[in-house]
Amino acid sequence: VLKKISLVAAVGYTIVLAAVCLMSLKDLPDLEISFAGKIFHFLAYSVLTFLWFNALFFYFKASITKAIIYSALFAIIFGIIIEALQGSATTYRSSDVYDAIANTLGALFAMLILLASKRILIKKI
């Protein structure tokens, strides 16, 4: 079950994240938190990394280390592409290097958590 769900969850989340990042946000309320957008980016790309790790590990049977590295690389590259598309493919969004940094930090944070979990798991075995 986890094998089937992991790929569907990763692909579905990626599509929804791309749609949210490329749609107009003018009708959404302002949260009045100065770093709310950056926190969203950090968390969204942490989740993206975790979901793709699960898909790579459970569905594609990649090793734990490869799944961690590839999922983080995918999230970082995807985040950079989305930021570039916001500036070039839309008239209502703009590229923001700080968003790309928040995306990258979220992916790296997830990668560190996964690497730490791997070490703990190996020590228990």
Protein backbone atom coordinates (compact mmCIF):
# COMPACT_ATOMS: atom_id res chain seq x y z
CA VAL A 1 0.00 0.00 0.00
CA LEU A 2 2.76 2.45 0.94
CA LYS A 3 4.46 1.70 -2.39
CA LYS A 4 1.42 2.82 -4.40
CA ILE A 5 0.51 5.76 -2.19
CA SER A 6 4.05 7.17 -2.06
CA LEU A 7 4.29 7.89 -5.79
CA VAL A 8 0.73 9.24 -6.05
CA ALA A 9 1.31 11.50 -3.05
CA ALA A 10 4.62 12.83 -4.41
CA VAL A 11 3.29 13.51 -7.91
CA GLY A 12 0.02 14.96 -6.63
CA TYR A 13 1.73 17.26 -4.15
CA THR A 14 4.20 18.41 -6.82
CA ILE A 15 1.36 19.32 -9.19
CA VAL A 16 -0.60 21.16 -6.49
CA LEU A 17 2.52 23.00 -5.32
CA ALA A 18 3.32 24.10 -8.87
CA ALA A 19 -0.26 25.29 -9.38
CA VAL A 20 -0.30 27.25 -6.11
CA CYS A 21 3.07 28.81 -6.87
CA LEU A 22 2.01 29.88 -10.37
CA MET A 23 -1.52 31.14 -9.69
CA SER A 24 -2.53 34.65 -8.74
CA LEU A 25 -2.63 35.25 -4.99
CA LYS A 26 -4.22 38.70 -5.03
CA ASP A 27 -7.49 37.45 -3.52
CA LEU A 28 -5.85 35.74 -0.55
CA PRO A 29 -5.82 37.55 2.80
CA ASP A 30 -2.55 39.01 4.05
CA LEU A 31 -1.37 37.10 7.13
CA GLU A 32 0.50 40.14 8.46
CA ILE A 33 3.45 37.99 9.43
CA SER A 34 6.60 39.44 7.93
CA PHE A 35 8.13 36.08 7.01
CA ALA A 36 4.91 34.09 6.43
CA GLY A 37 5.70 33.53 2.75
CA LYS A 38 9.22 32.35 3.49
CA ILE A 39 7.94 29.99 6.21
CA PHE A 40 5.43 28.57 3.71
CA HIS A 41 8.19 28.03 1.14
CA PHE A 42 10.46 26.37 3.73
CA LEU A 43 7.73 24.00 4.93
CA ALA A 44 6.34 23.28 1.46
CA TYR A 45 9.73 22.23 0.12
CA SER A 46 10.51 20.20 3.24
CA VAL A 47 7.31 18.24 2.63
CA LEU A 48 8.13 17.94 -1.08
CA THR A 49 11.51 16.42 -0.21
CA PHE A 50 9.97 13.95 2.28
CA LEU A 51 7.31 12.85 -0.21
CA TRP A 52 9.81 12.29 -3.03
CA PHE A 53 12.12 10.44 -0.63
CA ASN A 54 9.26 8.05 0.13
CA ALA A 55 8.46 7.60 -3.57
CA LEU A 56 12.09 6.96 -4.49
CA PHE A 57 12.67 4.60 -1.58
CA PHE A 58 9.39 2.65 -1.46
CA TYR A 59 8.18 2.78 -5.08
CA PHE A 60 11.42 2.91 -7.08
CA LYS A 61 13.46 0.92 -4.51
CA ALA A 62 16.38 3.37 -4.45
CA SER A 63 18.83 3.01 -1.61
CA ILE A 64 18.18 5.23 1.41
CA THR A 65 21.18 7.46 0.63
CA LYS A 66 20.28 7.87 -3.05
CA ALA A 67 16.64 8.53 -2.21
CA ILE A 68 17.65 11.25 0.26
CA ILE A 69 20.06 12.96 -2.12
CA TYR A 70 17.85 12.71 -5.22
CA SER A 71 14.72 13.92 -3.41
CA ALA A 72 16.55 16.97 -2.07
CA LEU A 73 18.11 17.72 -5.47
CA PHE A 74 14.72 17.38 -7.15
CA ALA A 75 13.09 19.76 -4.65
CA ILE A 76 15.87 22.35 -5.02
CA ILE A 77 15.83 22.25 -8.83
CA PHE A 78 12.02 22.27 -8.90
CA GLY A 79 11.98 25.32 -6.60
CA ILE A 80 14.42 27.21 -8.80
CA ILE A 81 12.41 26.37 -11.94
CA ILE A 82 9.16 27.51 -10.29
CA GLU A 83 10.75 30.81 -9.22
CA ALA A 84 12.03 31.36 -12.77
CA LEU A 85 8.57 30.58 -14.18
CA GLN A 86 6.95 33.04 -11.79
CA GLY A 87 9.06 35.80 -13.30
CA SER A 88 8.89 34.72 -16.94
CA ALA A 89 5.59 32.89 -17.48
CA THR A 90 3.22 35.01 -15.38
CA THR A 91 2.38 38.69 -15.28
CA TYR A 92 0.96 38.60 -11.75
CA ARG A 93 3.89 36.90 -9.95
CA SER A 94 7.56 37.75 -9.76
CA SER A 95 10.73 35.81 -9.10
CA ASP A 96 12.18 36.18 -5.64
CA VAL A 97 15.67 34.95 -4.84
CA TYR A 98 14.72 34.80 -1.14
CA ASP A 99 11.88 32.42 -1.97
CA ALA A 100 14.37 30.21 -3.83
CA ILE A 101 16.63 30.32 -0.78
CA ALA A 102 13.72 29.39 1.52
CA ASN A 103 12.83 26.51 -0.84
CA THR A 104 16.42 25.28 -0.82
CA LEU A 105 16.73 25.56 2.96
CA GLY A 106 13.49 23.59 3.38
CA ALA A 107 14.80 20.82 1.12
CA LEU A 108 18.16 20.77 2.91
CA PHE A 109 16.44 20.68 6.30
CA ALA A 110 14.39 17.66 5.22
CA MET A 111 17.57 16.05 3.88
CA LEU A 112 19.33 16.54 7.23
CA ILE A 113 16.36 15.06 9.11
CA LEU A 114 16.34 12.05 6.78
CA LEU A 115 20.11 11.57 7.10
CA ALA A 116 19.86 11.78 10.90
CA SER A 117 16.98 9.29 10.86
CA LYS A 118 19.04 6.95 8.70
CA ARG A 119 21.92 7.04 11.19
CA ILE A 120 19.60 6.38 14.13
CA LEU A 121 17.97 3.48 12.26
CA ILE A 122 21.36 1.95 11.39
CA LYS A 123 22.55 2.23 15.01
CA LYS A 124 19.46 0.36 16.23
CA ILE A 125 20.13 -2.51 13.82
